[in-house]
């Protein structure tokens, strides 16, 4: 018995087309997630740089104690983390 019936080829073609469409949609979704992660990283890195600058300015100005300067830096970094979450999700 041979599997050269027209129905066999139609089913095979349908399955092949379905697999191709699913793989294309999965890769598009992965690319979107990758872009969101990269944007989140950029936001977080910007916040870290800003926190370093604020800490240096705080220490040089001598307006606050060292622990107050550290707390300001922590707060700035935490704000950056929250912004990252907003960007990513």
Protein backbone atom coordinates (compact mmCIF):
# COMPACT_ATOMS: atom_id res chain seq x y z
CA UNK A 1 0.00 0.00 0.00
CA UNK A 2 1.35 3.41 -0.93
CA UNK A 3 0.93 6.68 0.94
CA UNK A 4 0.70 8.72 -2.24
CA UNK A 5 -2.95 9.56 -1.78
CA UNK A 6 -3.86 13.23 -2.28
CA UNK A 7 -5.29 13.47 1.27
CA UNK A 8 -1.94 12.53 2.79
CA UNK A 9 -0.16 15.33 0.95
CA UNK A 10 -2.80 17.88 1.91
CA UNK A 11 -2.54 16.97 5.58
CA UNK A 12 1.25 17.06 5.46
CA UNK A 13 1.21 20.46 3.79
CA UNK A 14 -1.27 21.78 6.35
CA UNK A 15 0.86 20.58 9.25
CA UNK A 16 3.99 22.08 7.68
CA UNK A 17 2.30 25.45 7.16
CA UNK A 18 0.99 25.41 10.75
CA UNK A 19 4.44 24.69 12.17
CA UNK A 20 5.98 27.50 10.11
CA UNK A 21 3.37 30.02 11.27
CA UNK A 22 3.82 29.07 14.92
CA UNK A 23 7.58 29.36 14.75
CA UNK A 24 7.37 32.80 13.13
CA UNK A 25 4.99 34.15 15.76
CA UNK A 26 7.21 32.79 18.56
CA UNK A 27 10.30 34.52 17.22
CA UNK A 28 8.46 37.83 16.90
CA UNK A 29 7.34 37.59 20.52
CA UNK A 30 10.88 36.77 21.67
CA UNK A 31 12.22 39.82 19.83
CA UNK A 32 9.66 42.07 21.55
CA UNK A 33 10.60 40.67 24.96
CA UNK A 34 14.27 41.20 24.20
CA UNK A 35 13.67 44.84 23.33
CA UNK A 36 11.72 45.41 26.54
CA UNK A 37 14.50 43.81 28.60
CA UNK A 38 17.10 46.01 26.90
CA UNK A 39 15.04 49.14 27.55
CA UNK A 40 14.73 48.09 31.20
CA UNK A 41 18.50 47.61 31.47
CA UNK A 42 19.10 51.03 29.95
CA UNK A 43 16.75 52.68 32.44
CA UNK A 44 18.43 50.91 35.35
CA UNK A 45 21.94 51.82 34.17
CA UNK A 46 20.92 55.47 33.78
CA UNK A 47 19.58 55.45 37.34
CA UNK A 48 22.84 53.97 38.63
CA UNK A 49 24.87 56.68 36.90
CA UNK A 50 22.57 59.36 38.26
CA UNK A 51 22.90 57.92 41.78
CA UNK A 52 26.70 57.94 41.54
CA UNK A 53 26.66 61.57 40.45
CA UNK A 54 24.31 62.58 43.23
CA UNK A 55 26.43 60.77 45.80
CA UNK A 56 29.60 62.49 44.61
CA UNK A 57 27.88 65.88 44.66
CA UNK A 58 26.48 65.19 48.13
CA UNK A 59 29.88 64.23 49.52
CA UNK A 60 31.62 67.22 47.99
CA UNK A 61 28.95 69.68 49.17
CA UNK A 62 29.31 68.46 52.78
CA UNK A 63 25.67 69.33 53.46
CA UNK A 64 24.72 65.90 54.76
CA UNK A 65 26.34 63.07 56.65
CA UNK A 66 27.82 60.13 54.78
CA UNK A 67 24.90 57.91 55.76
CA UNK A 68 22.40 60.46 54.42
CA UNK A 69 24.30 60.57 51.13
CA UNK A 70 24.23 56.76 50.95
CA UNK A 71 20.49 56.73 51.63
CA UNK A 72 19.90 59.27 48.86
CA UNK A 73 21.87 57.03 46.51
CA UNK A 74 19.80 53.99 47.53
CA UNK A 75 16.57 55.90 46.99
CA UNK A 76 17.68 57.00 43.53
CA UNK A 77 18.61 53.44 42.58
CA UNK A 78 15.28 52.16 43.91
CA UNK A 79 13.44 54.72 41.79
CA UNK A 80 15.39 53.40 38.80
CA UNK A 81 14.34 49.83 39.58
CA UNK A 82 10.70 50.88 39.74
CA UNK A 83 11.05 52.70 36.41
CA UNK A 84 12.60 49.54 34.96
CA UNK A 85 9.60 47.49 36.07
CA UNK A 86 7.25 50.02 34.49
CA UNK A 87 9.23 49.87 31.25
CA UNK A 88 9.51 46.11 31.16
CA UNK A 89 5.89 45.25 31.95
